Amino acid sequence: MKRILYLIGPYDRYNYGDILFPILITKELVTHFDSIEILSTTKSDLTKIGGFKTEDFKGLNRLKSNNKNTLVVAGGESLFVNWGILASYLIKQFRHLNVIFVIIRRIFGYSAKYRLQNFIGRILLGGKTYIPLAVGKHEIKNLNYLVYNSLGGTALNNDLLKKFPKIIRNYNSVDYLAVRDKKTNLVLKKNNIKSLLVPDIAILISKHFNNTFLKSKISNQVKNENITNKSYIFFQISKSIGNDKIDIIADQLRIIHEKTGKEIVLCPIGIALGHDNHLVLTKLSNQLEFNHLIFDENVNIWDIMYLISNSCLYIGTSLHGVITSMSYGIPYVGLEILKVKAYIETWGVKEMSKISNVNNFTNDAIKALELNSYDQLRKSFEMQKQIVEDFLDKTIRTLK
């Protein structure tokens, strides 16, 4: 009997964090399975930027009864994401429906909007399960084991979850359910759903990819700049947060640059539709009146990893930018995204356990640079790493 591992998540779009999940899960589990199948919303090929080829979710309809089939859901804020959210990242025209969704929410409430959004997205994407990622074991024929690997669910609250008994049933069907932040874990426990609190698997990046490896993988765009180690600050921001605050952000980066003498490096992390880091960073670059570096949307995931791991500070809205910093012992300033807030309040070191406001992050950045935090960050990394490895080991022993 063959042991087959299926991974599902949003691996078909260029978002740094989403691409990391199958890479790290594969690194950790490859020796325990005869083959690994990577599935996402659509068939895709992101090998040029460091990702994988994926098949679409229909692969879950073809599990063979003579195999031992394990499904691992590994991918970000997957616990409550619906088909419509995925459609909005893949089908640009889907966003034209936002006006309707806003009206539905105002009149009938969030749960009505969620159901309609999910229904339309499911039709457009050909979905077979109630929601796309947090699937139930009962929804997939010939599935032997189901694992949720350190998912986020910061959109959830106690009252909201009670309105979705189908989703609660899915959660209760899971063999191992791990979430990555205290807020999500508390909501599940209040609804009598067994869950474990486990850091995001991306914390293992530095375990698998050292500086020598990364240097061999970076693109010419990064290689040609010959950036000096620890001499610069890595800055990233999402379009939704930064697009209307270019002047405010530019002024703060100028002050940080002048007070610290550190170069500012602008680099996108989320390039997929809906993230659009490269677009807002280009606008920001045009506003900066001092020498700085900007990298465009052609960076690969190794470029991003290399640039963060060799920086002296990370500032940004990307959760996996923060987690990459944690993994390599780099101080960080997370900017006003709910999932970033939830994660650093759960796993961040004491001096860096609060998010900063995009209108006023200058002092937090300077303080983070002044801290002698490397040892503290490495201790935190080792603790998170051990929890993740213990969870994976326990899971594998159960599956055997």
Protein backbone atom coordinates (compact mmCIF):
# COMPACT_ATOMS: atom_id res chain seq x y z
CA MET A 1 0.00 0.00 0.00
CA LYS A 2 1.48 3.33 -1.09
CA ARG A 3 1.59 6.27 1.31
CA ILE A 4 0.50 9.39 -0.57
CA LEU A 5 0.67 12.90 0.87
CA TYR A 6 -1.59 15.56 -0.62
CA LEU A 7 -0.94 19.21 0.16
CA ILE A 8 -3.60 21.84 -0.50
CA GLY A 9 -3.29 25.59 -0.22
CA PRO A 10 -3.11 28.79 -2.29
CA TYR A 11 0.09 27.77 -4.03
CA ASP A 12 -0.89 29.00 -7.49
CA ARG A 13 -0.27 32.73 -6.95
CA TYR A 14 2.87 34.73 -6.33
CA ASN A 15 2.61 35.44 -2.65
CA TYR A 16 5.84 34.69 -0.80
CA GLY A 17 4.27 33.07 2.26
CA ASP A 18 1.93 30.83 0.26
CA ILE A 19 4.84 29.52 -1.82
CA LEU A 20 6.85 28.70 1.30
CA PHE A 21 4.33 26.22 2.76
CA PRO A 22 4.72 23.34 0.27
CA ILE A 23 8.50 23.86 0.15
CA LEU A 24 8.92 23.47 3.91
CA ILE A 25 6.30 20.75 4.38
CA THR A 26 8.00 18.75 1.62
CA LYS A 27 11.42 19.26 3.22
CA GLU A 28 10.15 17.98 6.56
CA LEU A 29 7.95 15.08 5.42
CA VAL A 30 9.35 13.81 2.11
CA THR A 31 11.04 10.74 3.61
CA HIS A 32 7.79 9.52 5.20
CA PHE A 33 5.74 9.19 1.99
CA ASP A 34 6.06 7.40 -1.34
CA SER A 35 4.90 10.47 -3.23
CA ILE A 36 3.67 14.01 -2.62
CA GLU A 37 0.96 15.71 -4.66
CA ILE A 38 0.63 19.50 -4.49
CA LEU A 39 -2.84 20.85 -5.21
CA SER A 40 -4.19 24.37 -5.47
CA THR A 41 -7.19 26.23 -6.83
CA THR A 42 -5.83 26.08 -10.38
CA LYS A 43 -3.19 24.18 -12.31
CA SER A 44 -0.06 26.33 -12.19
CA ASP A 45 3.71 26.44 -12.55
CA LEU A 46 5.67 28.78 -10.28
CA THR A 47 9.00 26.95 -10.58
CA LYS A 48 10.69 30.00 -12.14
CA ILE A 49 10.31 31.95 -8.91
CA GLY A 50 11.09 29.05 -6.58
CA GLY A 51 7.65 27.49 -6.22
CA PHE A 52 6.11 24.24 -7.45
CA LYS A 53 3.93 23.02 -10.24
CA THR A 54 0.42 22.41 -8.90
CA GLU A 55 -2.60 20.44 -10.01
CA ASP A 56 -6.06 21.76 -9.25
CA PHE A 57 -8.28 20.67 -6.36
CA LYS A 58 -10.01 18.10 -8.56
CA GLY A 59 -7.15 15.78 -7.66
CA LEU A 60 -8.90 15.21 -4.33
CA ASN A 61 -11.76 13.53 -6.19
CA ARG A 62 -9.42 10.80 -7.46
CA LEU A 63 -7.93 9.32 -4.29
CA LYS A 64 -7.40 5.57 -4.67
CA SER A 65 -8.77 3.20 -2.05
CA ASN A 66 -5.68 0.95 -2.22
CA ASN A 67 -3.40 3.81 -1.06
CA LYS A 68 -3.01 5.30 2.40
CA ASN A 69 -3.97 8.91 1.69
CA THR A 70 -3.04 11.82 3.94
CA LEU A 71 -4.16 15.39 3.29
CA VAL A 72 -2.35 18.32 4.90
CA VAL A 73 -3.93 21.75 4.65
CA ALA A 74 -0.96 24.10 4.83
CA GLY A 75 -1.42 27.71 3.98
CA GLY A 76 -1.89 30.91 5.90
CA GLU A 77 -5.32 32.26 6.78
CA SER A 78 -7.01 29.13 5.46
CA LEU A 79 -9.27 28.29 8.37
CA PHE A 80 -12.20 30.44 7.29
CA VAL A 81 -11.36 31.53 3.74
CA ASN A 82 -14.20 30.95 1.27
CA TRP A 83 -14.35 30.21 -2.45
CA GLY A 84 -15.13 33.84 -3.23
CA ILE A 85 -11.96 35.10 -1.56
CA LEU A 86 -9.87 32.73 -3.68
CA ALA A 87 -11.78 33.77 -6.81
CA SER A 88 -11.02 37.45 -6.06
CA TYR A 89 -7.27 36.69 -6.17
CA LEU A 90 -7.52 34.74 -9.42
CA ILE A 91 -10.31 36.40 -11.41
CA LYS A 92 -9.95 40.17 -11.65
CA GLN A 93 -13.58 40.65 -12.74
CA PHE A 94 -14.81 38.97 -9.54
CA ARG A 95 -13.97 42.17 -7.69
CA HIS A 96 -16.77 43.96 -9.54
CA LEU A 97 -19.13 42.02 -7.25
CA ASN A 98 -17.75 43.74 -4.16
CA VAL A 99 -20.45 46.41 -4.32
CA ILE A 100 -23.12 43.72 -4.10
CA PHE A 101 -21.34 42.02 -1.20
CA VAL A 102 -21.11 45.32 0.69
CA ILE A 103 -24.85 45.92 0.25
CA ILE A 104 -25.69 42.35 1.36
CA ARG A 105 -23.52 42.77 4.45
CA ARG A 106 -25.16 46.07 5.41
CA ILE A 107 -28.67 44.69 5.05
CA PHE A 108 -28.34 41.06 6.16
CA GLY A 109 -25.03 40.90 8.03
CA TYR A 110 -21.60 39.37 7.54
CA SER A 111 -22.70 35.71 7.52
CA ALA A 112 -25.13 36.34 4.61
CA LYS A 113 -22.40 38.10 2.65
CA TYR A 114 -19.98 35.24 3.39
CA ARG A 115 -22.46 32.60 2.17
CA LEU A 116 -23.22 34.45 -1.07
CA GLN A 117 -19.54 35.12 -1.74
CA ASN A 118 -18.74 31.47 -1.08
CA PHE A 119 -21.61 30.25 -3.30
CA ILE A 120 -20.62 32.37 -6.32
CA GLY A 121 -16.91 31.62 -5.94
CA ARG A 122 -17.60 27.91 -5.63
CA ILE A 123 -19.54 27.91 -8.91
CA LEU A 124 -16.84 29.88 -10.76
CA LEU A 125 -13.99 27.70 -9.49
CA GLY A 126 -15.85 24.38 -9.68
CA GLY A 127 -15.48 23.66 -5.97
CA LYS A 128 -16.68 20.33 -4.58
CA THR A 129 -16.20 21.01 -0.85
CA TYR A 130 -18.19 23.50 1.23
CA ILE A 131 -15.20 25.82 1.61
CA PRO A 132 -11.95 25.41 -0.32
CA LEU A 133 -9.17 24.84 2.20
CA ALA A 134 -10.58 23.96 5.63
CA VAL A 135 -12.19 20.84 4.19
CA GLY A 136 -13.86 18.05 6.15
CA LYS A 137 -12.68 14.47 6.15
CA HIS A 138 -16.22 13.35 5.27
CA GLU A 139 -16.11 15.48 2.10
CA ILE A 140 -13.29 13.50 0.44
CA LYS A 141 -13.66 9.86 -0.51
CA ASN A 142 -10.85 7.44 0.43
CA LEU A 143 -9.11 9.96 2.69
CA ASN A 144 -7.42 8.25 5.64
CA TYR A 145 -5.90 11.18 7.56
CA LEU A 146 -6.53 14.92 7.62
CA VAL A 147 -4.17 17.47 9.18
CA TYR A 148 -4.49 21.26 9.45
CA ASN A 149 -0.93 22.57 9.71
CA SER A 150 -0.64 25.78 11.77
CA LEU A 151 -3.42 27.69 10.04
CA GLY A 152 -4.57 31.22 10.74
CA GLY A 153 -8.16 32.26 11.29
CA THR A 154 -8.09 35.81 12.60
CA ALA A 155 -11.39 36.62 10.83
CA LEU A 156 -13.13 34.20 13.17
CA ASN A 157 -14.92 35.11 16.35
CA ASN A 158 -17.08 33.07 18.68
CA ASP A 159 -20.47 34.37 17.54
CA LEU A 160 -19.60 34.16 13.85
CA LEU A 161 -18.41 30.55 13.97
CA LYS A 162 -21.64 29.41 15.66
CA LYS A 163 -23.52 30.47 12.49
CA PHE A 164 -21.62 27.95 10.36
CA PRO A 165 -22.29 24.42 11.66
CA LYS A 166 -20.94 22.90 8.42
CA ILE A 167 -17.57 24.50 9.05
CA ILE A 168 -17.57 23.38 12.69
CA ARG A 169 -18.26 19.84 11.46
CA ASN A 170 -15.24 20.13 9.15
CA TYR A 171 -12.99 21.23 12.01
CA ASN A 172 -14.17 18.37 14.20
CA SER A 173 -13.36 15.82 11.49
CA VAL A 174 -9.65 16.68 11.48
CA ASP A 175 -7.15 14.21 12.96
CA TYR A 176 -4.71 16.96 13.95
CA LEU A 177 -5.74 20.62 13.97
CA ALA A 178 -3.02 23.16 14.70
CA VAL A 179 -3.42 26.94 14.57
CA ARG A 180 -0.67 29.53 14.72
CA ASP A 181 -2.02 32.26 17.04
CA LYS A 182 -3.69 32.49 20.45
CA LYS A 183 -6.71 34.41 19.18
CA THR A 184 -7.76 31.69 16.74
CA ASN A 185 -6.98 28.94 19.23
CA LEU A 186 -9.22 30.57 21.85
CA VAL A 187 -12.18 30.86 19.43
CA LEU A 188 -11.92 27.16 18.57
CA LYS A 189 -11.69 26.08 22.19
CA LYS A 190 -14.77 28.14 23.08
CA ASN A 191 -16.62 26.10 20.46
CA ASN A 192 -15.31 22.80 21.90
CA ILE A 193 -13.02 22.19 18.93
CA LYS A 194 -9.75 20.51 19.84
CA SER A 195 -6.77 22.46 18.54
CA LEU A 196 -3.07 22.84 19.20
CA LEU A 197 -1.10 26.10 19.22
CA VAL A 198 1.86 25.65 16.87
CA PRO A 199 4.02 28.29 15.15
CA ASP A 200 3.89 28.75 11.40
CA ILE A 201 6.08 26.21 9.60
CA ALA A 202 7.85 29.11 7.85
CA ILE A 203 9.83 29.57 11.08
CA LEU A 204 11.95 26.63 9.83
CA ILE A 205 13.34 28.60 6.86
CA SER A 206 16.77 29.16 8.41
CA LYS A 207 17.01 25.46 9.28
CA HIS A 208 16.92 24.53 5.60
CA PHE A 209 18.32 27.55 3.75
CA ASN A 210 21.58 29.12 4.90
CA ASN A 211 23.24 32.17 3.38
CA THR A 212 25.49 30.13 1.09
CA PHE A 213 22.51 28.33 -0.40
CA LEU A 214 20.51 31.54 -0.82
CA LYS A 215 23.43 33.31 -2.49
CA SER A 216 23.54 30.53 -5.07
CA LYS A 217 19.83 31.03 -5.84
CA ILE A 218 19.41 34.81 -6.02
CA SER A 219 18.64 36.47 -9.34
CA ASN A 220 20.96 38.79 -11.21
CA GLN A 221 18.71 41.68 -10.18
CA VAL A 222 19.83 41.19 -6.56
CA LYS A 223 23.31 39.84 -7.27
CA ASN A 224 24.28 42.89 -9.34
CA GLU A 225 23.57 45.30 -6.47
CA ASN A 226 26.27 43.69 -4.30
CA ILE A 227 24.45 44.70 -1.12
CA THR A 228 26.57 44.91 2.04
CA ASN A 229 25.51 42.60 4.85
CA LYS A 230 23.46 44.28 7.65
CA SER A 231 23.86 47.73 6.10
CA TYR A 232 20.25 48.21 5.05
CA ILE A 233 16.61 48.13 6.16
CA PHE A 234 14.20 45.94 4.19
CA PHE A 235 10.85 47.66 3.64
CA GLN A 236 7.66 46.18 2.17
CA ILE A 237 4.02 47.19 2.27
CA SER A 238 0.74 46.02 0.74
CA LYS A 239 -1.18 48.21 -1.66
CA SER A 240 -4.28 48.18 0.53
CA ILE A 241 -2.38 49.66 3.48
CA GLY A 242 0.16 51.92 1.79
CA ASN A 243 -1.38 53.23 -1.40
CA ASP A 244 -3.09 56.26 0.18
CA LYS A 245 -0.25 57.04 2.60
CA ILE A 246 2.75 57.38 0.31
CA ASP A 247 3.76 60.82 1.60
CA ILE A 248 3.51 59.76 5.26
CA ILE A 249 5.56 56.61 4.67
CA ALA A 250 8.18 58.41 2.57
CA ASP A 251 8.71 61.01 5.28
CA GLN A 252 9.20 58.35 7.95
CA LEU A 253 11.68 56.38 5.83
CA ARG A 254 13.62 59.61 5.24
CA ILE A 255 13.86 60.25 8.99
CA ILE A 256 14.92 56.65 9.69
CA HIS A 257 17.54 56.84 6.94
CA GLU A 258 18.94 60.15 8.24
CA LYS A 259 19.02 59.09 11.91
CA THR A 260 20.48 55.61 11.39
CA GLY A 261 22.55 56.01 8.24
CA LYS A 262 21.06 52.77 6.96
CA GLU A 263 20.15 52.31 3.32
CA ILE A 264 16.49 51.64 2.53
CA VAL A 265 15.71 48.66 0.30
CA LEU A 266 12.19 48.40 -1.13
CA CYS A 267 11.20 44.88 -2.14
CA PRO A 268 7.80 43.30 -2.88
CA ILE A 269 6.74 40.13 -1.08
CA GLY A 270 3.14 39.78 -2.24
CA ILE A 271 2.87 40.26 -5.99
CA ALA A 272 -0.38 38.40 -6.67
CA LEU A 273 -3.62 40.19 -7.46
CA GLY A 274 -4.93 41.76 -4.26
CA HIS A 275 -1.46 42.19 -2.72
CA ASP A 276 0.27 44.27 -5.43
CA ASN A 277 3.29 45.26 -3.32
CA HIS A 278 5.30 46.16 -6.41
CA LEU A 279 2.77 48.79 -7.50
CA VAL A 280 2.72 50.71 -4.22
CA LEU A 281 6.50 50.40 -3.76
CA THR A 282 7.07 51.93 -7.21
CA LYS A 283 4.94 54.92 -6.18
CA LEU A 284 6.84 55.15 -2.90
CA SER A 285 10.21 55.00 -4.66
CA ASN A 286 9.22 57.92 -6.87
CA GLN A 287 8.47 59.92 -3.74
CA LEU A 288 11.74 59.23 -1.92
CA GLU A 289 14.25 62.05 -2.35
CA PHE A 290 17.32 60.14 -1.15
CA ASN A 291 19.33 57.27 -2.57
CA HIS A 292 17.68 53.89 -2.04
CA LEU A 293 17.22 50.56 -3.78
CA ILE A 294 14.02 49.14 -5.22
CA PHE A 295 13.46 45.66 -6.61
CA ASP A 296 10.62 44.92 -8.98
CA GLU A 297 8.07 42.13 -9.34
CA ASN A 298 10.62 39.84 -11.00
CA VAL A 299 12.28 38.92 -7.70
CA ASN A 300 12.08 35.25 -6.76
CA ILE A 301 11.44 33.82 -3.30
CA TRP A 302 15.19 33.27 -2.73
CA ASP A 303 15.83 36.97 -3.39
CA ILE A 304 13.28 37.88 -0.72
CA MET A 305 14.72 35.40 1.77
CA TYR A 306 18.28 36.54 1.08
CA LEU A 307 17.48 40.24 1.35
CA ILE A 308 15.60 39.85 4.65
CA SER A 309 18.17 37.50 6.20
CA ASN A 310 21.04 39.91 5.38
CA SER A 311 19.24 43.08 6.46
CA CYS A 312 19.55 44.83 9.82
CA LEU A 313 15.79 45.36 10.15
CA TYR A 314 12.54 44.29 8.47
CA ILE A 315 9.59 46.70 8.30
CA GLY A 316 6.37 45.61 6.62
CA THR A 317 2.84 44.26 6.49
CA SER A 318 3.81 40.73 5.43
CA LEU A 319 3.43 38.11 8.15
CA HIS A 320 5.96 35.89 6.42
CA GLY A 321 8.35 38.79 6.16
CA VAL A 322 8.14 38.99 9.96
CA ILE A 323 8.49 35.21 10.37
CA THR A 324 11.49 35.12 8.01
CA SER A 325 13.08 37.83 10.17
CA MET A 326 12.36 35.82 13.31
CA SER A 327 13.92 32.72 11.78
CA TYR A 328 17.19 34.47 10.85
CA GLY A 329 17.42 36.54 14.04
CA ILE A 330 16.64 39.87 12.37
CA PRO A 331 14.66 42.52 14.32
CA TYR A 332 11.31 43.43 12.81
CA VAL A 333 8.54 46.02 12.85
CA GLY A 334 5.17 44.59 11.80
CA LEU A 335 2.64 47.04 10.38
CA GLU A 336 -1.10 47.02 11.16
CA ILE A 337 -2.35 43.76 9.64
CA LEU A 338 -4.57 41.65 11.92
CA LYS A 339 -2.78 38.36 11.26
CA VAL A 340 0.60 40.03 11.89
CA LYS A 341 -0.72 41.42 15.16
CA ALA A 342 -2.08 38.03 16.23
CA TYR A 343 1.17 36.23 15.41
CA ILE A 344 3.67 38.57 17.03
CA GLU A 345 1.50 38.85 20.14
CA THR A 346 1.70 35.05 20.34
CA TRP A 347 5.31 34.39 19.35
CA GLY A 348 7.15 37.72 19.19
CA VAL A 349 9.95 38.62 21.60
CA LYS A 350 8.86 41.02 24.34
CA GLU A 351 10.31 44.20 22.81
CA MET A 352 8.76 43.38 19.42
CA SER A 353 5.40 41.91 20.38
CA LYS A 354 3.21 44.82 19.23
CA ILE A 355 2.40 46.01 15.74
CA SER A 356 3.10 49.56 14.65
CA ASN A 357 0.81 52.07 12.99
CA VAL A 358 1.72 52.84 9.38
CA ASN A 359 1.32 56.54 10.22
CA ASN A 360 3.90 56.37 13.01
CA PHE A 361 6.49 53.60 12.91
CA THR A 362 9.66 55.74 12.97
CA ASN A 363 10.42 55.42 16.70
CA ASP A 364 9.64 51.70 16.76
CA ALA A 365 12.07 51.13 13.88
CA ILE A 366 14.87 53.09 15.52
CA LYS A 367 14.31 51.34 18.88
CA ALA A 368 14.35 47.92 17.19
CA LEU A 369 17.70 48.78 15.59
CA GLU A 370 19.15 49.92 18.90
CA LEU A 371 18.22 46.70 20.71
CA ASN A 372 20.89 44.07 21.09
CA SER A 373 18.27 41.46 20.23
CA TYR A 374 20.04 38.74 18.24
CA ASP A 375 20.44 36.29 21.13
CA GLN A 376 16.85 36.86 22.24
CA LEU A 377 15.55 36.35 18.69
CA ARG A 378 17.60 33.16 18.27
CA LYS A 379 16.26 31.80 21.56
CA SER A 380 12.71 32.52 20.40
CA PHE A 381 13.44 30.85 17.06
CA GLU A 382 14.77 27.69 18.73
CA MET A 383 11.66 27.50 20.91
CA GLN A 384 9.29 27.89 17.93
CA LYS A 385 11.34 25.45 15.86
CA GLN A 386 11.13 22.80 18.57
CA ILE A 387 7.34 23.13 18.86
CA VAL A 388 6.89 22.77 15.08
CA GLU A 389 9.21 19.77 14.88
CA ASP A 390 7.50 18.07 17.84
CA PHE A 391 4.10 18.60 16.20
CA LEU A 392 5.32 17.13 12.90
CA ASP A 393 6.96 14.17 14.66
CA LYS A 394 3.80 13.43 16.64
CA THR A 395 1.72 13.68 13.49
CA ILE A 396 3.96 11.28 11.57
CA ARG A 397 3.93 8.73 14.40
CA THR A 398 0.12 8.82 14.38
CA LEU A 399 -0.09 8.43 10.60
CA LYS A 400 2.09 5.35 10.71
